[in-house]
């Protein structure tokens, strides 16, 4: 899995034509997804 910084995520979304007002919501959703995914993997390793 590739991990992107918040700035890299914003840059990629802008390239896709996502409006500035929607960018923050996308970053929040991506961060939540990534956090939950890491927790699930950590649980599997216990």
C-alpha atoms as a PDB file:
ATOM      1  CA  UNK A   1       0.000   0.000   0.000  1.00  0.00           C
ATOM      2  CA  UNK A   2       1.241   3.461  -0.842  1.00  0.00           C
ATOM      3  CA  UNK A   3       1.026   6.022   1.931  1.00  0.00           C
ATOM      4  CA  UNK A   4       0.604   9.629   0.889  1.00  0.00           C
ATOM      5  CA  UNK A   5       1.027  12.723   2.995  1.00  0.00           C
ATOM      6  CA  UNK A   6      -1.897  15.135   3.277  1.00  0.00           C
ATOM      7  CA  UNK A   7      -0.229  17.523   0.840  1.00  0.00           C
ATOM      8  CA  UNK A   8       0.279  14.751  -1.708  1.00  0.00           C
ATOM      9  CA  UNK A   9      -3.351  13.708  -1.369  1.00  0.00           C
ATOM     10  CA  UNK A  10      -4.503  17.298  -1.944  1.00  0.00           C
ATOM     11  CA  UNK A  11      -2.272  17.612  -5.002  1.00  0.00           C
ATOM     12  CA  UNK A  12      -3.606  14.392  -6.515  1.00  0.00           C
ATOM     13  CA  UNK A  13      -7.223  15.359  -5.883  1.00  0.00           C
ATOM     14  CA  UNK A  14      -6.655  18.755  -7.495  1.00  0.00           C
ATOM     15  CA  UNK A  15      -5.218  16.993 -10.561  1.00  0.00           C
ATOM     16  CA  UNK A  16      -8.437  14.968 -10.742  1.00  0.00           C
ATOM     17  CA  UNK A  17     -10.454  18.179 -10.781  1.00  0.00           C
ATOM     18  CA  UNK A  18     -11.918  17.940  -7.285  1.00  0.00           C
ATOM     19  CA  UNK A  19     -13.183  21.332  -6.096  1.00  0.00           C
ATOM     20  CA  UNK A  20     -11.249  22.999  -3.287  1.00  0.00           C
ATOM     21  CA  UNK A  21     -14.297  22.976  -1.025  1.00  0.00           C
ATOM     22  CA  UNK A  22     -14.471  19.163  -1.236  1.00  0.00           C
ATOM     23  CA  UNK A  23     -10.768  18.510  -0.669  1.00  0.00           C
ATOM     24  CA  UNK A  24     -10.822  18.624   3.130  1.00  0.00           C
ATOM     25  CA  UNK A  25     -13.666  16.087   3.282  1.00  0.00           C
ATOM     26  CA  UNK A  26     -11.720  13.687   1.051  1.00  0.00           C
ATOM     27  CA  UNK A  27      -8.627  13.986   3.254  1.00  0.00           C
ATOM     28  CA  UNK A  28     -10.680  13.339   6.406  1.00  0.00           C
ATOM     29  CA  UNK A  29     -12.308  10.269   4.865  1.00  0.00           C
ATOM     30  CA  UNK A  30      -8.971   8.908   3.617  1.00  0.00           C
ATOM     31  CA  UNK A  31      -7.378   9.430   7.031  1.00  0.00           C
ATOM     32  CA  UNK A  32     -10.261   7.644   8.766  1.00  0.00           C
ATOM     33  CA  UNK A  33     -10.069   4.731   6.310  1.00  0.00           C
ATOM     34  CA  UNK A  34      -6.304   4.415   6.714  1.00  0.00           C
ATOM     35  CA  UNK A  35      -6.546   4.530  10.536  1.00  0.00           C
ATOM     36  CA  UNK A  36      -9.236   1.833  10.637  1.00  0.00           C
ATOM     37  CA  UNK A  37      -7.286  -0.321   8.177  1.00  0.00           C
ATOM     38  CA  UNK A  38      -4.166  -0.118  10.361  1.00  0.00           C
ATOM     39  CA  UNK A  39      -6.138  -1.035  13.483  1.00  0.00           C
ATOM     40  CA  UNK A  40      -7.588  -4.089  11.707  1.00  0.00           C
ATOM     41  CA  UNK A  41      -4.121  -5.242  10.629  1.00  0.00           C
ATOM     42  CA  UNK A  42      -2.767  -4.700  14.129  1.00  0.00           C
ATOM     43  CA  UNK A  43      -5.596  -6.877  15.531  1.00  0.00           C
ATOM     44  CA  UNK A  44      -4.705  -9.664  13.103  1.00  0.00           C
ATOM     45  CA  UNK A  45      -1.102  -9.650  14.305  1.00  0.00           C
ATOM     46  CA  UNK A  46      -2.037 -10.037  17.992  1.00  0.00           C
END
